[in-house]
Each structure stands twice: as C-alpha cells, then as structure tokens.
Amino acid sequence: MDGNKRTARIVSNAILIAESHCPLSFRTVDSIDYKKAMLVFYEQNNITPFKRIFVEQFDFAVNTYF
C-alpha cells in the first residue's frame, strides 16, 4: 500500500548497479523468515538473521541472473 519496502529495494539495487555490484532479489525469501529477521533486529539489535537472508539472496541473484 505505501511501497516503502519496494522503494527501498529499488533504490538499493540502483546504487549497487551504479557501483558495478550485483543487484539483490528477494523473490525466494520466506515471508515468515523475513518477519522473524525484522523482529530479531528491532528487538535484539541483532543482524545475524538478515545476514543469512542477504547471503542467500546474493547467491540466488548471482546464480539466476549472471
């Protein structure tokens, strides 16, 4: 409805591409895992679950698009 997540992803990928880095895709992220990672980050200030998602999605993007 508000588009903030989509806008953030588009802008972050635009920056990555402009700097000759691989863009990220979040197509294969389970919504429950994403929500859990958000909760862990906001409640515990722990980015470990997001790191795992980031690495998995980077691998997906490289293997799928390049």
PDB file of N, CA and C in Angstrom:
ATOM      1  N   MET A   1       0.820  -1.181   0.000  1.00  0.00           N
ATOM      2  CA  MET A   1       0.000   0.000   0.000  1.00  0.00           C
ATOM      3  C   MET A   1       0.876   1.262   0.000  1.00  0.00           C
ATOM      4  N   ASP A   2       1.908   1.295   0.854  1.00  0.00           N
ATOM      5  CA  ASP A   2       2.737   2.500   0.914  1.00  0.00           C
ATOM      6  C   ASP A   2       3.986   2.401   0.045  1.00  0.00           C
ATOM      7  N   GLY A   3       4.436   1.169  -0.255  1.00  0.00           N
ATOM      8  CA  GLY A   3       5.564   0.995  -1.164  1.00  0.00           C
ATOM      9  C   GLY A   3       6.936   1.244  -0.580  1.00  0.00           C
ATOM     10  N   ASN A   4       7.062   1.435   0.731  1.00  0.00           N
ATOM     11  CA  ASN A   4       8.366   1.755   1.303  1.00  0.00           C
ATOM     12  C   ASN A   4       9.397   0.658   1.097  1.00  0.00           C
ATOM     13  N   LYS A   5       9.000  -0.606   1.291  1.00  0.00           N
ATOM     14  CA  LYS A   5       9.958  -1.703   1.104  1.00  0.00           C
ATOM     15  C   LYS A   5      10.365  -1.818  -0.364  1.00  0.00           C
ATOM     16  N   ARG A   6       9.373  -1.726  -1.248  1.00  0.00           N
ATOM     17  CA  ARG A   6       9.698  -1.809  -2.678  1.00  0.00           C
ATOM     18  C   ARG A   6      10.601  -0.657  -3.097  1.00  0.00           C
ATOM     19  N   THR A   7      10.295   0.536  -2.627  1.00  0.00           N
ATOM     20  CA  THR A   7      11.104   1.701  -2.967  1.00  0.00           C
ATOM     21  C   THR A   7      12.525   1.542  -2.444  1.00  0.00           C
ATOM     22  N   ALA A   8      12.663   1.071  -1.220  1.00  0.00           N
ATOM     23  CA  ALA A   8      13.994   0.866  -0.639  1.00  0.00           C
ATOM     24  C   ALA A   8      14.786  -0.163  -1.435  1.00  0.00           C
ATOM     25  N   ARG A   9      14.127  -1.234  -1.859  1.00  0.00           N
ATOM     26  CA  ARG A   9      14.820  -2.267  -2.641  1.00  0.00           C
ATOM     27  C   ARG A   9      15.234  -1.739  -4.003  1.00  0.00           C
ATOM     28  N   ILE A  10      14.373  -0.973  -4.640  1.00  0.00           N
ATOM     29  CA  ILE A  10      14.710  -0.412  -5.955  1.00  0.00           C
ATOM     30  C   ILE A  10      15.893   0.545  -5.831  1.00  0.00           C
ATOM     31  N   VAL A  11      15.854   1.409  -4.829  1.00  0.00           N
ATOM     32  CA  VAL A  11      16.941   2.377  -4.642  1.00  0.00           C
ATOM     33  C   VAL A  11      18.241   1.653  -4.293  1.00  0.00           C
ATOM     34  N   SER A  12      18.165   0.654  -3.409  1.00  0.00           N
ATOM     35  CA  SER A  12      19.398  -0.048  -3.042  1.00  0.00           C
ATOM     36  C   SER A  12      19.976  -0.790  -4.240  1.00  0.00           C
ATOM     37  N   ASN A  13      19.120  -1.387  -5.072  1.00  0.00           N
ATOM     38  CA  ASN A  13      19.629  -2.060  -6.267  1.00  0.00           C
ATOM     39  C   ASN A  13      20.188  -1.067  -7.277  1.00  0.00           C
ATOM     40  N   ALA A  14      19.582   0.096  -7.382  1.00  0.00           N
ATOM     41  CA  ALA A  14      20.114   1.126  -8.282  1.00  0.00           C
ATOM     42  C   ALA A  14      21.518   1.540  -7.849  1.00  0.00           C
ATOM     43  N   ILE A  15      21.723   1.678  -6.548  1.00  0.00           N
ATOM     44  CA  ILE A  15      23.052   2.032  -6.025  1.00  0.00           C
ATOM     45  C   ILE A  15      24.045   0.901  -6.295  1.00  0.00           C
ATOM     46  N   LEU A  16      23.630  -0.329  -6.027  1.00  0.00           N
ATOM     47  CA  LEU A  16      24.519  -1.468  -6.286  1.00  0.00           C
ATOM     48  C   LEU A  16      24.909  -1.532  -7.764  1.00  0.00           C
ATOM     49  N   ILE A  17      23.944  -1.397  -8.642  1.00  0.00           N
ATOM     50  CA  ILE A  17      24.216  -1.462 -10.083  1.00  0.00           C
ATOM     51  C   ILE A  17      25.114  -0.301 -10.516  1.00  0.00           C
ATOM     52  N   ALA A  18      24.851   0.889  -9.995  1.00  0.00           N
ATOM     53  CA  ALA A  18      25.668   2.060 -10.348  1.00  0.00           C
ATOM     54  C   ALA A  18      27.124   1.874  -9.936  1.00  0.00           C
ATOM     55  N   GLU A  19      27.351   1.091  -8.886  1.00  0.00           N
ATOM     56  CA  GLU A  19      28.707   0.830  -8.406  1.00  0.00           C
ATOM     57  C   GLU A  19      29.265  -0.489  -8.936  1.00  0.00           C
ATOM     58  N   SER A  20      28.616  -1.025  -9.991  1.00  0.00           N
ATOM     59  CA  SER A  20      29.036  -2.273 -10.655  1.00  0.00           C
ATOM     60  C   SER A  20      28.977  -3.496  -9.747  1.00  0.00           C
ATOM     61  N   HIS A  21      27.995  -3.500  -8.847  1.00  0.00           N
ATOM     62  CA  HIS A  21      27.766  -4.651  -7.982  1.00  0.00           C
ATOM     63  C   HIS A  21      26.500  -5.374  -8.431  1.00  0.00           C
ATOM     64  N   CYS A  22      26.379  -6.601  -8.004  1.00  0.00           N
ATOM     65  CA  CYS A  22      25.226  -7.422  -8.347  1.00  0.00           C
ATOM     66  C   CYS A  22      23.992  -6.930  -7.591  1.00  0.00           C
ATOM     67  N   PRO A  23      22.870  -6.740  -8.291  1.00  0.00           N
ATOM     68  CA  PRO A  23      21.632  -6.388  -7.578  1.00  0.00           C
ATOM     69  C   PRO A  23      21.114  -7.580  -6.780  1.00  0.00           C
ATOM     70  N   LEU A  24      20.276  -7.306  -5.815  1.00  0.00           N
ATOM     71  CA  LEU A  24      19.704  -8.369  -4.991  1.00  0.00           C
ATOM     72  C   LEU A  24      18.249  -8.606  -5.349  1.00  0.00           C
ATOM     73  N   SER A  25      17.861  -9.841  -5.246  1.00  0.00           N
ATOM     74  CA  SER A  25      16.471 -10.221  -5.445  1.00  0.00           C
ATOM     75  C   SER A  25      15.991 -10.851  -4.155  1.00  0.00           C
ATOM     76  N   PHE A  26      14.790 -10.515  -3.753  1.00  0.00           N
ATOM     77  CA  PHE A  26      14.230 -11.101  -2.543  1.00  0.00           C
ATOM     78  C   PHE A  26      13.044 -11.996  -2.871  1.00  0.00           C
ATOM     79  N   ARG A  27      13.033 -12.524  -4.096  1.00  0.00           N
ATOM     80  CA  ARG A  27      11.907 -13.346  -4.554  1.00  0.00           C
ATOM     81  C   ARG A  27      11.760 -14.636  -3.781  1.00  0.00           C
ATOM     82  N   THR A  28      12.855 -15.204  -3.320  1.00  0.00           N
ATOM     83  CA  THR A  28      12.775 -16.522  -2.684  1.00  0.00           C
ATOM     84  C   THR A  28      12.798 -16.467  -1.159  1.00  0.00           C
ATOM     85  N   VAL A  29      12.661 -15.291  -0.587  1.00  0.00           N
ATOM     86  CA  VAL A  29      12.665 -15.176   0.869  1.00  0.00           C
ATOM     87  C   VAL A  29      11.283 -15.555   1.399  1.00  0.00           C
ATOM     88  N   ASP A  30      11.287 -16.469   2.355  1.00  0.00           N
ATOM     89  CA  ASP A  30      10.045 -16.836   3.018  1.00  0.00           C
ATOM     90  C   ASP A  30       9.585 -15.653   3.874  1.00  0.00           C
ATOM     91  N   SER A  31       8.317 -15.288   3.750  1.00  0.00           N
ATOM     92  CA  SER A  31       7.823 -14.102   4.461  1.00  0.00           C
ATOM     93  C   SER A  31       7.936 -14.256   5.980  1.00  0.00           C
ATOM     94  N   ILE A  32       7.793 -15.464   6.487  1.00  0.00           N
ATOM     95  CA  ILE A  32       7.916 -15.692   7.937  1.00  0.00           C
ATOM     96  C   ILE A  32       9.363 -15.478   8.371  1.00  0.00           C
ATOM     97  N   ASP A  33      10.322 -15.987   7.582  1.00  0.00           N
ATOM     98  CA  ASP A  33      11.736 -15.783   7.907  1.00  0.00           C
ATOM     99  C   ASP A  33      12.092 -14.302   7.887  1.00  0.00           C
ATOM    100  N   TYR A  34      11.550 -13.571   6.910  1.00  0.00           N
ATOM    101  CA  TYR A  34      11.811 -12.133   6.806  1.00  0.00           C
ATOM    102  C   TYR A  34      11.253 -11.408   8.038  1.00  0.00           C
ATOM    103  N   LYS A  35      10.035 -11.745   8.421  1.00  0.00           N
ATOM    104  CA  LYS A  35       9.420 -11.104   9.586  1.00  0.00           C
ATOM    105  C   LYS A  35      10.190 -11.439  10.868  1.00  0.00           C
ATOM    106  N   LYS A  36      10.637 -12.679  10.991  1.00  0.00           N
ATOM    107  CA  LYS A  36      11.432 -13.062  12.164  1.00  0.00           C
ATOM    108  C   LYS A  36      12.740 -12.281  12.203  1.00  0.00           C
ATOM    109  N   ALA A  37      13.375 -12.133  11.049  1.00  0.00           N
ATOM    110  CA  ALA A  37      14.622 -11.362  10.997  1.00  0.00           C
ATOM    111  C   ALA A  37      14.381  -9.917  11.406  1.00  0.00           C
ATOM    112  N   MET A  38      13.255  -9.356  10.977  1.00  0.00           N
ATOM    113  CA  MET A  38      12.913  -7.983  11.372  1.00  0.00           C
ATOM    114  C   MET A  38      12.731  -7.888  12.888  1.00  0.00           C
ATOM    115  N   LEU A  39      12.014  -8.844  13.457  1.00  0.00           N
ATOM    116  CA  LEU A  39      11.791  -8.831  14.903  1.00  0.00           C
ATOM    117  C   LEU A  39      13.098  -8.952  15.676  1.00  0.00           C
ATOM    118  N   VAL A  40      13.951  -9.869  15.246  1.00  0.00           N
ATOM    119  CA  VAL A  40      15.239 -10.046  15.929  1.00  0.00           C
ATOM    120  C   VAL A  40      16.061  -8.765  15.840  1.00  0.00           C
ATOM    121  N   PHE A  41      16.034  -8.123  14.676  1.00  0.00           N
ATOM    122  CA  PHE A  41      16.789  -6.882  14.517  1.00  0.00           C
ATOM    123  C   PHE A  41      16.250  -5.787  15.446  1.00  0.00           C
ATOM    124  N   TYR A  42      14.948  -5.561  15.415  1.00  0.00           N
ATOM    125  CA  TYR A  42      14.377  -4.475  16.207  1.00  0.00           C
ATOM    126  C   TYR A  42      14.341  -4.766  17.708  1.00  0.00           C
ATOM    127  N   GLU A  43      14.133  -6.023  18.076  1.00  0.00           N
ATOM    128  CA  GLU A  43      14.028  -6.354  19.495  1.00  0.00           C
ATOM    129  C   GLU A  43      15.383  -6.612  20.156  1.00  0.00           C
ATOM    130  N   GLN A  44      16.335  -7.184  19.392  1.00  0.00           N
ATOM    131  CA  GLN A  44      17.613  -7.585  19.982  1.00  0.00           C
ATOM    132  C   GLN A  44      18.810  -6.860  19.375  1.00  0.00           C
ATOM    133  N   ASN A  45      18.552  -6.008  18.396  1.00  0.00           N
ATOM    134  CA  ASN A  45      19.623  -5.294  17.691  1.00  0.00           C
ATOM    135  C   ASN A  45      20.646  -6.284  17.134  1.00  0.00           C
ATOM    136  N   ASN A  46      20.149  -7.387  16.581  1.00  0.00           N
ATOM    137  CA  ASN A  46      20.980  -8.465  16.058  1.00  0.00           C
ATOM    138  C   ASN A  46      20.713  -8.612  14.559  1.00  0.00           C
ATOM    139  N   ILE A  47      21.747  -8.460  13.748  1.00  0.00           N
ATOM    140  CA  ILE A  47      21.556  -8.526  12.293  1.00  0.00           C
ATOM    141  C   ILE A  47      21.855  -9.909  11.705  1.00  0.00           C
ATOM    142  N   THR A  48      22.169 -10.880  12.557  1.00  0.00           N
ATOM    143  CA  THR A  48      22.550 -12.208  12.067  1.00  0.00           C
ATOM    144  C   THR A  48      21.505 -12.832  11.141  1.00  0.00           C
ATOM    145  N   PRO A  49      20.211 -12.840  11.491  1.00  0.00           N
ATOM    146  CA  PRO A  49      19.237 -13.426  10.561  1.00  0.00           C
ATOM    147  C   PRO A  49      19.180 -12.689   9.213  1.00  0.00           C
ATOM    148  N   PHE A  50      19.340 -11.367   9.246  1.00  0.00           N
ATOM    149  CA  PHE A  50      19.355 -10.605   7.986  1.00  0.00           C
ATOM    150  C   PHE A  50      20.607 -10.905   7.167  1.00  0.00           C
ATOM    151  N   LYS A  51      21.718 -11.135   7.831  1.00  0.00           N
ATOM    152  CA  LYS A  51      22.936 -11.519   7.108  1.00  0.00           C
ATOM    153  C   LYS A  51      22.710 -12.812   6.339  1.00  0.00           C
ATOM    154  N   ARG A  52      22.070 -13.785   6.997  1.00  0.00           N
ATOM    155  CA  ARG A  52      21.798 -15.060   6.358  1.00  0.00           C
ATOM    156  C   ARG A  52      20.902 -14.866   5.140  1.00  0.00           C
ATOM    157  N   ILE A  53      19.840 -14.080   5.297  1.00  0.00           N
ATOM    158  CA  ILE A  53      18.941 -13.807   4.175  1.00  0.00           C
ATOM    159  C   ILE A  53      19.698 -13.094   3.061  1.00  0.00           C
ATOM    160  N   PHE A  54      20.503 -12.114   3.410  1.00  0.00           N
ATOM    161  CA  PHE A  54      21.260 -11.350   2.428  1.00  0.00           C
ATOM    162  C   PHE A  54      22.188 -12.259   1.624  1.00  0.00           C
ATOM    163  N   VAL A  55      22.938 -13.109   2.307  1.00  0.00           N
ATOM    164  CA  VAL A  55      23.885 -14.006   1.631  1.00  0.00           C
ATOM    165  C   VAL A  55      23.137 -14.989   0.729  1.00  0.00           C
ATOM    166  N   GLU A  56      22.043 -15.560   1.232  1.00  0.00           N
ATOM    167  CA  GLU A  56      21.264 -16.488   0.422  1.00  0.00           C
ATOM    168  C   GLU A  56      20.703 -15.812  -0.824  1.00  0.00           C
ATOM    169  N   GLN A  57      20.232 -14.582  -0.680  1.00  0.00           N
ATOM    170  CA  GLN A  57      19.660 -13.872  -1.825  1.00  0.00           C
ATOM    171  C   GLN A  57      20.742 -13.407  -2.798  1.00  0.00           C
ATOM    172  N   PHE A  58      21.920 -13.087  -2.273  1.00  0.00           N
ATOM    173  CA  PHE A  58      23.028 -12.741  -3.159  1.00  0.00           C
ATOM    174  C   PHE A  58      23.395 -13.951  -4.014  1.00  0.00           C
ATOM    175  N   ASP A  59      23.512 -15.113  -3.376  1.00  0.00           N
ATOM    176  CA  ASP A  59      23.796 -16.343  -4.125  1.00  0.00           C
ATOM    177  C   ASP A  59      22.716 -16.603  -5.166  1.00  0.00           C
ATOM    178  N   PHE A  60      21.461 -16.425  -4.789  1.00  0.00           N
ATOM    179  CA  PHE A  60      20.351 -16.629  -5.722  1.00  0.00           C
ATOM    180  C   PHE A  60      20.474 -15.677  -6.913  1.00  0.00           C
ATOM    181  N   ALA A  61      20.744 -14.409  -6.641  1.00  0.00           N
ATOM    182  CA  ALA A  61      20.839 -13.416  -7.714  1.00  0.00           C
ATOM    183  C   ALA A  61      21.994 -13.735  -8.665  1.00  0.00           C
ATOM    184  N   VAL A  62      23.140 -14.074  -8.108  1.00  0.00           N
ATOM    185  CA  VAL A  62      24.310 -14.392  -8.953  1.00  0.00           C
ATOM    186  C   VAL A  62      24.026 -15.609  -9.801  1.00  0.00           C
ATOM    187  N   ASN A  63      23.484 -16.651  -9.205  1.00  0.00           N
ATOM    188  CA  ASN A  63      23.227 -17.887  -9.936  1.00  0.00           C
ATOM    189  C   ASN A  63      22.071 -17.772 -10.926  1.00  0.00           C
ATOM    190  N   THR A  64      21.146 -16.876 -10.675  1.00  0.00           N
ATOM    191  CA  THR A  64      19.974 -16.743 -11.529  1.00  0.00           C
ATOM    192  C   THR A  64      20.174 -15.729 -12.650  1.00  0.00           C
ATOM    193  N   TYR A  65      20.809 -14.617 -12.339  1.00  0.00           N
ATOM    194  CA  TYR A  65      20.868 -13.507 -13.289  1.00  0.00           C
ATOM    195  C   TYR A  65      22.219 -13.325 -13.977  1.00  0.00           C
ATOM    196  N   PHE A  66      23.277 -13.973 -13.468  1.00  0.00           N
ATOM    197  CA  PHE A  66      24.592 -13.735 -14.066  1.00  0.00           C
ATOM    198  C   PHE A  66      25.248 -15.013 -14.442  1.00  0.00           C
TER     199      PHE A  66
END
